Amino acid sequence: MAKRQRNRKEQLAEVIRESHEQWKRLRENGGNDPFWTDGVNLNLVRNHIIYGRRLCEEELQEGDYPEEYYLPLPEKVPPNYMVKGDEIRRKTSELMRNIKENPDYIGLFGKSEKSQKEVEIIKYISGYSQSISEDDLVAMRRFIHWDFSGMMQSIKEELRDITPVAEIEKSLPEGQLSIFDLFNI
């Protein structure tokens, strides 16, 4: 049986309904956008709803608008709004405290020579520390998902793999040496 082709009214109804659902999810749970605040994304989805309504007005007769057209338009939110700001701050502070108490992190500063990855980790942590002091919730939200202990473990394994194993040298006999003694022949 052939699939029934949806008419334009059904298509627009779906666009508006999905945008409303997305807006509700963002408003309740916040987003995961690594660069933009929840407020910016909520207003973007709100604009999608407005656009869907405008398409209804342009393409359909007024009495033929879908039910979704009449759903209340979500409010506009401030662009810097973040849904779970206090939770993000709490988790980030807790994570930063755990990292700064971590012996691997403390050990990085005792080393005179650091690998490139160790330097990068120090820079990341410094940047995230700065995001906390500046209350940059978007950067802090990225930090919450950062796997510090996994990165430290991979660095340890990498350094262990490249560190040469010292060969135990046979001590030379005392007294007169021959050329054979020098080359372990």
N, C-alpha and C. Protein backbone atom coordinates (compact mmCIF):
# COMPACT_ATOMS: atom_id res chain seq x y z
N MET A 1 0.84 -1.17 0.00
CA MET A 1 0.00 0.00 0.00
C MET A 1 0.89 1.24 0.00
N ALA A 2 0.63 2.16 -0.85
CA ALA A 2 1.44 3.38 -0.96
C ALA A 2 1.20 4.27 0.24
N LYS A 3 2.25 4.92 0.67
CA LYS A 3 2.17 5.84 1.81
C LYS A 3 1.42 7.10 1.37
N ARG A 4 0.47 7.51 2.21
CA ARG A 4 -0.32 8.69 1.88
C ARG A 4 0.55 9.94 1.97
N GLN A 5 0.48 10.78 0.98
CA GLN A 5 1.23 12.03 0.95
C GLN A 5 0.54 13.03 1.89
N ARG A 6 1.28 13.60 2.80
CA ARG A 6 0.70 14.57 3.73
C ARG A 6 0.44 15.88 3.01
N ASN A 7 -0.65 16.52 3.37
CA ASN A 7 -0.92 17.81 2.76
C ASN A 7 -0.14 18.90 3.48
N ARG A 8 -0.15 20.07 2.92
CA ARG A 8 0.66 21.18 3.45
C ARG A 8 0.23 21.56 4.87
N LYS A 9 -1.06 21.50 5.15
CA LYS A 9 -1.56 21.83 6.49
C LYS A 9 -0.94 20.90 7.52
N GLU A 10 -0.89 19.60 7.22
CA GLU A 10 -0.29 18.63 8.15
C GLU A 10 1.20 18.87 8.32
N GLN A 11 1.86 19.22 7.22
CA GLN A 11 3.30 19.49 7.29
C GLN A 11 3.58 20.70 8.19
N LEU A 12 2.83 21.77 8.00
CA LEU A 12 3.04 22.97 8.82
C LEU A 12 2.66 22.72 10.27
N ALA A 13 1.62 21.94 10.50
CA ALA A 13 1.23 21.59 11.87
C ALA A 13 2.38 20.86 12.57
N GLU A 14 3.02 19.94 11.85
CA GLU A 14 4.13 19.19 12.43
C GLU A 14 5.32 20.10 12.75
N VAL A 15 5.62 21.02 11.85
CA VAL A 15 6.73 21.95 12.07
C VAL A 15 6.48 22.77 13.33
N ILE A 16 5.28 23.32 13.47
CA ILE A 16 4.97 24.16 14.63
C ILE A 16 4.95 23.31 15.90
N ARG A 17 4.35 22.13 15.85
CA ARG A 17 4.27 21.25 17.02
C ARG A 17 5.67 20.84 17.50
N GLU A 18 6.52 20.43 16.56
CA GLU A 18 7.89 20.02 16.94
C GLU A 18 8.68 21.18 17.52
N SER A 19 8.48 22.37 16.98
CA SER A 19 9.18 23.54 17.52
C SER A 19 8.70 23.85 18.94
N HIS A 20 7.41 23.73 19.18
CA HIS A 20 6.88 23.94 20.55
C HIS A 20 7.47 22.91 21.51
N GLU A 21 7.53 21.65 21.07
CA GLU A 21 8.08 20.59 21.93
C GLU A 21 9.56 20.83 22.21
N GLN A 22 10.29 21.25 21.18
CA GLN A 22 11.72 21.54 21.37
C GLN A 22 11.89 22.70 22.34
N TRP A 23 11.07 23.73 22.22
CA TRP A 23 11.16 24.89 23.11
C TRP A 23 10.91 24.45 24.56
N LYS A 24 9.89 23.60 24.77
CA LYS A 24 9.59 23.11 26.13
C LYS A 24 10.75 22.31 26.70
N ARG A 25 11.35 21.42 25.87
CA ARG A 25 12.49 20.63 26.35
C ARG A 25 13.65 21.53 26.74
N LEU A 26 13.96 22.52 25.90
CA LEU A 26 15.05 23.45 26.20
C LEU A 26 14.75 24.23 27.47
N ARG A 27 13.53 24.67 27.64
CA ARG A 27 13.14 25.48 28.80
C ARG A 27 13.24 24.68 30.10
N GLU A 28 12.93 23.38 30.02
CA GLU A 28 12.97 22.53 31.22
C GLU A 28 14.38 22.02 31.54
N ASN A 29 15.10 21.59 30.51
CA ASN A 29 16.37 20.89 30.73
C ASN A 29 17.61 21.66 30.34
N GLY A 30 17.44 22.74 29.60
CA GLY A 30 18.60 23.44 29.08
C GLY A 30 19.15 22.70 27.87
N GLY A 31 20.11 23.28 27.23
CA GLY A 31 20.68 22.68 26.04
C GLY A 31 22.10 22.22 26.27
N ASN A 32 22.74 21.80 25.20
CA ASN A 32 24.14 21.37 25.25
C ASN A 32 24.99 22.12 24.24
N ASP A 33 24.47 23.22 23.73
CA ASP A 33 25.21 23.98 22.74
C ASP A 33 26.52 24.46 23.35
N PRO A 34 27.66 24.12 22.73
CA PRO A 34 28.95 24.48 23.33
C PRO A 34 29.32 25.96 23.21
N PHE A 35 28.56 26.73 22.41
CA PHE A 35 28.94 28.12 22.19
C PHE A 35 27.85 29.13 22.50
N TRP A 36 26.60 28.70 22.59
CA TRP A 36 25.50 29.63 22.76
C TRP A 36 24.70 29.33 24.03
N THR A 37 24.17 30.38 24.63
CA THR A 37 23.38 30.23 25.85
C THR A 37 22.02 29.61 25.52
N ASP A 38 21.35 29.15 26.56
CA ASP A 38 20.01 28.60 26.39
C ASP A 38 19.05 29.69 25.92
N GLY A 39 19.25 30.93 26.38
CA GLY A 39 18.38 32.02 25.96
C GLY A 39 18.43 32.25 24.47
N VAL A 40 19.62 32.21 23.90
CA VAL A 40 19.76 32.40 22.45
C VAL A 40 19.05 31.26 21.72
N ASN A 41 19.24 30.03 22.18
CA ASN A 41 18.61 28.89 21.52
C ASN A 41 17.09 28.88 21.71
N LEU A 42 16.61 29.27 22.89
CA LEU A 42 15.16 29.35 23.11
C LEU A 42 14.53 30.38 22.17
N ASN A 43 15.18 31.52 22.02
CA ASN A 43 14.65 32.55 21.12
C ASN A 43 14.72 32.11 19.66
N LEU A 44 15.73 31.33 19.31
CA LEU A 44 15.83 30.80 17.95
C LEU A 44 14.66 29.86 17.66
N VAL A 45 14.36 28.96 18.61
CA VAL A 45 13.24 28.04 18.42
C VAL A 45 11.92 28.81 18.39
N ARG A 46 11.83 29.84 19.20
CA ARG A 46 10.63 30.71 19.18
C ARG A 46 10.46 31.31 17.79
N ASN A 47 11.55 31.73 17.17
CA ASN A 47 11.49 32.28 15.81
C ASN A 47 11.04 31.23 14.79
N HIS A 48 11.40 29.95 15.03
CA HIS A 48 10.93 28.88 14.15
C HIS A 48 9.41 28.76 14.23
N ILE A 49 8.86 28.92 15.44
CA ILE A 49 7.41 28.87 15.62
C ILE A 49 6.75 30.03 14.87
N ILE A 50 7.33 31.21 15.01
CA ILE A 50 6.79 32.39 14.31
C ILE A 50 6.84 32.17 12.80
N TYR A 51 7.93 31.59 12.32
CA TYR A 51 8.06 31.33 10.89
C TYR A 51 7.01 30.32 10.42
N GLY A 52 6.80 29.26 11.21
CA GLY A 52 5.77 28.28 10.86
C GLY A 52 4.39 28.91 10.79
N ARG A 53 4.11 29.80 11.73
CA ARG A 53 2.83 30.52 11.70
C ARG A 53 2.72 31.39 10.44
N ARG A 54 3.82 32.06 10.12
CA ARG A 54 3.81 32.93 8.94
C ARG A 54 3.57 32.11 7.67
N LEU A 55 4.16 30.93 7.59
CA LEU A 55 3.92 30.07 6.43
C LEU A 55 2.44 29.67 6.34
N CYS A 56 1.82 29.42 7.50
CA CYS A 56 0.38 29.10 7.51
C CYS A 56 -0.41 30.27 6.92
N GLU A 57 -0.05 31.48 7.35
CA GLU A 57 -0.77 32.67 6.88
C GLU A 57 -0.58 32.89 5.38
N GLU A 58 0.61 32.54 4.87
CA GLU A 58 0.90 32.76 3.45
C GLU A 58 0.32 31.66 2.56
N GLU A 59 0.29 30.43 3.06
CA GLU A 59 -0.05 29.30 2.20
C GLU A 59 -1.45 28.72 2.41
N LEU A 60 -2.09 29.05 3.52
CA LEU A 60 -3.40 28.45 3.82
C LEU A 60 -4.46 29.53 3.98
N GLN A 61 -5.70 29.12 3.84
CA GLN A 61 -6.81 30.02 4.12
C GLN A 61 -6.97 30.13 5.63
N GLU A 62 -7.43 31.27 6.14
CA GLU A 62 -7.51 31.51 7.58
C GLU A 62 -8.30 30.43 8.31
N GLY A 63 -9.37 29.96 7.76
CA GLY A 63 -10.18 28.93 8.42
C GLY A 63 -9.56 27.55 8.35
N ASP A 64 -8.47 27.41 7.60
CA ASP A 64 -7.83 26.11 7.38
C ASP A 64 -6.53 25.95 8.18
N TYR A 65 -6.22 26.90 9.07
CA TYR A 65 -4.99 26.81 9.87
C TYR A 65 -5.06 25.58 10.78
N PRO A 66 -3.93 24.93 11.01
CA PRO A 66 -3.93 23.77 11.93
C PRO A 66 -4.10 24.25 13.38
N GLU A 67 -4.49 23.33 14.25
CA GLU A 67 -4.67 23.66 15.68
C GLU A 67 -3.39 24.22 16.28
N GLU A 68 -2.25 23.71 15.85
CA GLU A 68 -0.96 24.14 16.39
C GLU A 68 -0.70 25.62 16.17
N TYR A 69 -1.30 26.18 15.14
CA TYR A 69 -1.14 27.60 14.86
C TYR A 69 -1.61 28.44 16.06
N TYR A 70 -2.62 27.96 16.75
CA TYR A 70 -3.25 28.71 17.84
C TYR A 70 -2.61 28.45 19.21
N LEU A 71 -1.60 27.61 19.26
CA LEU A 71 -0.89 27.41 20.53
C LEU A 71 -0.25 28.74 20.93
N PRO A 72 -0.21 29.03 22.24
CA PRO A 72 0.38 30.30 22.66
C PRO A 72 1.87 30.38 22.27
N LEU A 73 2.26 31.56 21.82
CA LEU A 73 3.66 31.79 21.45
C LEU A 73 4.49 31.86 22.72
N PRO A 74 5.56 31.07 22.81
CA PRO A 74 6.43 31.12 24.00
C PRO A 74 7.02 32.52 24.19
N GLU A 75 7.25 32.86 25.46
CA GLU A 75 7.80 34.19 25.74
C GLU A 75 9.24 34.30 25.25
N LYS A 76 9.64 35.50 24.97
CA LYS A 76 11.02 35.78 24.61
C LYS A 76 11.80 35.82 25.92
N VAL A 77 13.01 35.27 25.91
CA VAL A 77 13.83 35.24 27.11
C VAL A 77 15.09 36.08 26.89
N PRO A 78 15.72 36.53 27.97
CA PRO A 78 16.97 37.29 27.80
C PRO A 78 18.03 36.41 27.12
N PRO A 79 18.82 36.97 26.24
CA PRO A 79 19.81 36.17 25.51
C PRO A 79 20.84 35.48 26.40
N ASN A 80 21.12 36.03 27.57
CA ASN A 80 22.13 35.42 28.45
C ASN A 80 21.53 34.41 29.42
N TYR A 81 20.27 34.08 29.26
CA TYR A 81 19.57 33.16 30.17
C TYR A 81 20.13 31.74 30.05
N MET A 82 20.34 31.11 31.20
CA MET A 82 20.75 29.70 31.25
C MET A 82 19.79 28.97 32.17
N VAL A 83 19.29 27.82 31.72
CA VAL A 83 18.24 27.11 32.43
C VAL A 83 18.69 26.63 33.81
N LYS A 84 19.78 25.94 33.91
CA LYS A 84 20.22 25.37 35.18
C LYS A 84 21.53 26.02 35.63
N GLY A 85 21.52 27.33 35.69
CA GLY A 85 22.74 28.07 36.02
C GLY A 85 23.34 27.69 37.36
N ASP A 86 22.51 27.59 38.40
CA ASP A 86 23.05 27.25 39.72
C ASP A 86 23.62 25.84 39.75
N GLU A 87 22.96 24.93 39.06
CA GLU A 87 23.47 23.55 39.01
C GLU A 87 24.80 23.49 38.26
N ILE A 88 24.91 24.24 37.18
CA ILE A 88 26.16 24.28 36.41
C ILE A 88 27.28 24.83 37.29
N ARG A 89 27.00 25.91 38.00
CA ARG A 89 28.02 26.50 38.89
C ARG A 89 28.46 25.50 39.97
N ARG A 90 27.50 24.82 40.58
CA ARG A 90 27.81 23.88 41.65
C ARG A 90 28.67 22.72 41.12
N LYS A 91 28.24 22.13 40.00
CA LYS A 91 28.99 21.00 39.44
C LYS A 91 30.39 21.41 39.01
N THR A 92 30.51 22.57 38.41
CA THR A 92 31.82 23.03 37.94
C THR A 92 32.76 23.29 39.10
N SER A 93 32.25 23.93 40.14
CA SER A 93 33.10 24.20 41.32
C SER A 93 33.55 22.90 41.97
N GLU A 94 32.64 21.95 42.05
CA GLU A 94 32.97 20.65 42.64
C GLU A 94 34.03 19.93 41.80
N LEU A 95 33.86 19.95 40.50
CA LEU A 95 34.82 19.31 39.61
C LEU A 95 36.19 19.99 39.70
N MET A 96 36.20 21.31 39.73
CA MET A 96 37.47 22.04 39.82
C MET A 96 38.17 21.73 41.15
N ARG A 97 37.41 21.66 42.22
CA ARG A 97 38.01 21.34 43.52
C ARG A 97 38.62 19.94 43.48
N ASN A 98 37.91 18.97 42.90
CA ASN A 98 38.43 17.60 42.80
C ASN A 98 39.70 17.54 41.96
N ILE A 99 39.74 18.30 40.87
CA ILE A 99 40.93 18.30 40.01
C ILE A 99 42.11 18.90 40.76
N LYS A 100 41.90 20.02 41.44
CA LYS A 100 43.02 20.69 42.11
C LYS A 100 43.53 19.90 43.32
N GLU A 101 42.72 18.97 43.83
CA GLU A 101 43.17 18.10 44.92
C GLU A 101 43.74 16.79 44.39
N ASN A 102 43.65 16.56 43.10
CA ASN A 102 44.10 15.32 42.48
C ASN A 102 45.63 15.27 42.48
N PRO A 103 46.21 14.17 42.96
CA PRO A 103 47.68 14.06 42.99
C PRO A 103 48.33 14.16 41.61
N ASP A 104 47.64 13.68 40.57
CA ASP A 104 48.20 13.78 39.22
C ASP A 104 48.32 15.24 38.80
N TYR A 105 47.30 16.03 39.11
CA TYR A 105 47.33 17.45 38.77
C TYR A 105 48.41 18.17 39.58
N ILE A 106 48.48 17.89 40.85
CA ILE A 106 49.49 18.51 41.71
C ILE A 106 50.89 18.14 41.22
N GLY A 107 51.05 16.89 40.78
CA GLY A 107 52.34 16.41 40.29
C GLY A 107 52.80 17.12 39.02
N LEU A 108 51.85 17.63 38.24
CA LEU A 108 52.23 18.34 37.01
C LEU A 108 53.10 19.55 37.31
N PHE A 109 52.86 20.20 38.43
CA PHE A 109 53.59 21.42 38.74
C PHE A 109 54.96 21.14 39.35
N GLY A 110 55.18 19.91 39.80
CA GLY A 110 56.48 19.55 40.34
C GLY A 110 57.46 19.12 39.27
N LYS A 111 56.96 18.90 38.06
CA LYS A 111 57.82 18.43 36.98
C LYS A 111 58.50 19.61 36.30
N SER A 112 59.80 19.45 36.06
CA SER A 112 60.51 20.53 35.36
C SER A 112 60.23 20.47 33.86
N GLU A 113 60.06 19.27 33.33
CA GLU A 113 59.76 19.13 31.90
C GLU A 113 58.39 18.47 31.78
N LYS A 114 57.56 19.07 30.92
CA LYS A 114 56.21 18.56 30.73
C LYS A 114 56.02 18.21 29.26
N SER A 115 55.19 17.18 29.02
CA SER A 115 54.85 16.84 27.64
C SER A 115 53.86 17.88 27.11
N GLN A 116 53.67 17.88 25.81
CA GLN A 116 52.73 18.82 25.19
C GLN A 116 51.33 18.64 25.75
N LYS A 117 50.92 17.39 25.96
CA LYS A 117 49.57 17.12 26.49
C LYS A 117 49.43 17.62 27.94
N GLU A 118 50.48 17.49 28.71
CA GLU A 118 50.43 17.99 30.09
C GLU A 118 50.29 19.51 30.10
N VAL A 119 50.99 20.18 29.21
CA VAL A 119 50.88 21.63 29.11
C VAL A 119 49.46 22.00 28.69
N GLU A 120 48.88 21.25 27.75
CA GLU A 120 47.51 21.52 27.31
C GLU A 120 46.51 21.37 28.45
N ILE A 121 46.68 20.33 29.26
CA ILE A 121 45.77 20.12 30.39
C ILE A 121 45.86 21.30 31.35
N ILE A 122 47.05 21.77 31.62
CA ILE A 122 47.21 22.93 32.52
C ILE A 122 46.50 24.14 31.92
N LYS A 123 46.63 24.34 30.61
CA LYS A 123 45.95 25.47 29.95
C LYS A 123 44.43 25.32 30.03
N TYR A 124 43.91 24.10 29.78
CA TYR A 124 42.47 23.87 29.86
C TYR A 124 41.95 24.21 31.26
N ILE A 125 42.65 23.70 32.25
CA ILE A 125 42.19 23.92 33.63
C ILE A 125 42.27 25.40 33.98
N SER A 126 43.30 26.07 33.52
CA SER A 126 43.41 27.51 33.75
C SER A 126 42.25 28.25 33.08
N GLY A 127 41.92 27.85 31.85
CA GLY A 127 40.81 28.48 31.14
C GLY A 127 39.48 28.24 31.83
N TYR A 128 39.26 27.03 32.30
CA TYR A 128 38.01 26.74 33.00
C TYR A 128 37.95 27.44 34.34
N SER A 129 39.08 27.58 34.98
CA SER A 129 39.13 28.34 36.23
C SER A 129 38.74 29.79 35.97
N GLN A 130 39.21 30.32 34.86
CA GLN A 130 38.86 31.68 34.48
C GLN A 130 37.36 31.78 34.17
N SER A 131 36.80 30.76 33.51
CA SER A 131 35.36 30.79 33.21
C SER A 131 34.53 30.80 34.50
N ILE A 132 35.02 30.15 35.54
CA ILE A 132 34.32 30.18 36.82
C ILE A 132 34.39 31.57 37.41
N SER A 133 35.58 32.17 37.39
CA SER A 133 35.72 33.51 37.97
C SER A 133 34.92 34.56 37.19
N GLU A 134 34.73 34.34 35.87
CA GLU A 134 33.96 35.28 35.06
C GLU A 134 32.47 34.90 34.98
N ASP A 135 32.09 33.80 35.61
CA ASP A 135 30.73 33.29 35.61
C ASP A 135 30.23 33.05 34.18
N ASP A 136 31.08 32.48 33.35
CA ASP A 136 30.75 32.15 31.96
C ASP A 136 30.10 30.76 31.96
N LEU A 137 28.77 30.73 32.04
CA LEU A 137 28.05 29.47 32.19
C LEU A 137 28.17 28.55 30.98
N VAL A 138 28.31 29.10 29.79
CA VAL A 138 28.44 28.26 28.60
C VAL A 138 29.76 27.49 28.66
N ALA A 139 30.85 28.17 28.99
CA ALA A 139 32.15 27.49 29.11
C ALA A 139 32.14 26.51 30.28
N MET A 140 31.49 26.90 31.37
CA MET A 140 31.42 25.99 32.52
C MET A 140 30.62 24.73 32.16
N ARG A 141 29.58 24.88 31.36
CA ARG A 141 28.78 23.71 30.94
C ARG A 141 29.63 22.76 30.11
N ARG A 142 30.52 23.29 29.27
CA ARG A 142 31.43 22.43 28.52
C ARG A 142 32.35 21.67 29.46
N PHE A 143 32.80 22.35 30.50
CA PHE A 143 33.75 21.78 31.45
C PHE A 143 33.16 20.61 32.23
N ILE A 144 31.86 20.65 32.49
CA ILE A 144 31.21 19.60 33.27
C ILE A 144 31.40 18.23 32.62
N HIS A 145 31.46 18.19 31.31
CA HIS A 145 31.56 16.93 30.58
C HIS A 145 33.00 16.54 30.27
N TRP A 146 33.95 17.26 30.81
CA TRP A 146 35.36 17.02 30.54
C TRP A 146 35.86 15.87 31.42
N ASP A 147 36.55 14.91 30.84
CA ASP A 147 37.04 13.74 31.57
C ASP A 147 38.51 13.93 31.94
N PHE A 148 38.74 14.65 33.04
CA PHE A 148 40.10 14.95 33.48
C PHE A 148 40.87 13.67 33.83
N SER A 149 40.27 12.79 34.64
CA SER A 149 41.00 11.60 35.08
C SER A 149 41.32 10.69 33.89
N GLY A 150 40.43 10.61 32.91
CA GLY A 150 40.72 9.81 31.72
C GLY A 150 41.88 10.38 30.93
N MET A 151 41.93 11.71 30.82
CA MET A 151 43.04 12.35 30.11
C MET A 151 44.36 12.12 30.84
N MET A 152 44.34 12.24 32.16
CA MET A 152 45.57 12.02 32.93
C MET A 152 46.04 10.57 32.80
N GLN A 153 45.09 9.63 32.79
CA GLN A 153 45.44 8.22 32.66
C GLN A 153 46.06 7.95 31.29
N SER A 154 45.51 8.54 30.24
CA SER A 154 46.08 8.32 28.90
C SER A 154 47.47 8.94 28.78
N ILE A 155 47.69 10.07 29.44
CA ILE A 155 49.03 10.69 29.42
C ILE A 155 50.03 9.79 30.14
N LYS A 156 49.63 9.23 31.29
CA LYS A 156 50.52 8.34 32.03
C LYS A 156 50.90 7.13 31.17
N GLU A 157 49.90 6.55 30.49
CA GLU A 157 50.17 5.39 29.65
C GLU A 157 51.07 5.75 28.48
N GLU A 158 50.82 6.91 27.89
CA GLU A 158 51.62 7.37 26.76
C GLU A 158 53.07 7.59 27.19
N LEU A 159 53.26 8.23 28.34
CA LEU A 159 54.62 8.49 28.83
C LEU A 159 55.32 7.18 29.21
N ARG A 160 54.56 6.25 29.75
CA ARG A 160 55.14 4.96 30.12
C ARG A 160 55.59 4.21 28.86
N ASP A 161 54.82 4.34 27.78
CA ASP A 161 55.16 3.66 26.54
C ASP A 161 56.39 4.25 25.86
N ILE A 162 56.60 5.56 26.00
CA ILE A 162 57.75 6.17 25.31
C ILE A 162 59.00 6.24 26.19
N THR A 163 58.85 6.00 27.48
CA THR A 163 60.01 6.03 28.37
C THR A 163 60.84 4.78 28.10
N PRO A 164 62.10 4.96 27.72
CA PRO A 164 62.92 3.79 27.41
C PRO A 164 63.20 2.96 28.67
N VAL A 165 63.19 1.68 28.47
CA VAL A 165 63.51 0.78 29.58
C VAL A 165 65.03 0.70 29.66
N ALA A 166 65.55 1.00 30.83
CA ALA A 166 67.01 0.99 31.00
C ALA A 166 67.51 -0.45 31.04
N GLU A 167 68.52 -0.71 30.25
CA GLU A 167 69.12 -2.04 30.25
C GLU A 167 70.09 -2.13 31.41
N ILE A 168 70.06 -3.26 32.04
CA ILE A 168 71.00 -3.48 33.13
C ILE A 168 72.34 -3.86 32.51
N GLU A 169 73.31 -3.03 32.79
CA GLU A 169 74.62 -3.28 32.20
C GLU A 169 75.43 -4.19 33.10
N LYS A 170 76.13 -5.06 32.44
CA LYS A 170 77.02 -5.96 33.16
C LYS A 170 78.23 -5.15 33.61
N SER A 171 78.56 -5.29 34.86
CA SER A 171 79.70 -4.52 35.35
C SER A 171 81.00 -5.10 34.76
N LEU A 172 81.92 -4.19 34.55
CA LEU A 172 83.19 -4.61 33.99
C LEU A 172 84.04 -5.27 35.07
N PRO A 173 84.79 -6.27 34.67
CA PRO A 173 85.67 -6.91 35.66
C PRO A 173 86.80 -5.95 36.05
N GLU A 174 87.29 -6.16 37.22
CA GLU A 174 88.39 -5.31 37.67
C GLU A 174 89.70 -5.82 37.07
N GLY A 175 90.62 -4.92 36.95
CA GLY A 175 91.93 -5.32 36.43
C GLY A 175 92.04 -5.00 34.95
N GLN A 176 92.93 -5.71 34.28
CA GLN A 176 93.19 -5.50 32.86
C GLN A 176 91.97 -5.92 32.05
N LEU A 177 91.50 -5.03 31.14
CA LEU A 177 90.33 -5.31 30.31
C LEU A 177 90.78 -5.66 28.90
N SER A 178 90.02 -6.49 28.29
CA SER A 178 90.27 -6.79 26.88
C SER A 178 89.16 -6.12 26.07
N ILE A 179 89.34 -6.07 24.79
CA ILE A 179 88.33 -5.49 23.92
C ILE A 179 87.01 -6.25 24.03
N PHE A 180 87.10 -7.56 24.33
CA PHE A 180 85.90 -8.39 24.46
C PHE A 180 85.10 -8.00 25.69
N ASP A 181 85.74 -7.55 26.73
CA ASP A 181 85.05 -7.13 27.95
C ASP A 181 84.23 -5.88 27.68
N LEU A 182 84.72 -4.99 26.89
CA LEU A 182 84.06 -3.73 26.62
C LEU A 182 82.77 -3.92 25.81
N PHE A 183 82.72 -4.90 24.93
CA PHE A 183 81.57 -5.09 24.03
C PHE A 183 80.72 -6.29 24.41
N ASN A 184 80.87 -6.78 25.63
CA ASN A 184 80.08 -7.92 26.13
C ASN A 184 80.11 -9.13 25.19
N ILE A 185 81.28 -9.45 24.70
CA ILE A 185 81.43 -10.61 23.81
C ILE A 185 81.94 -11.78 24.61
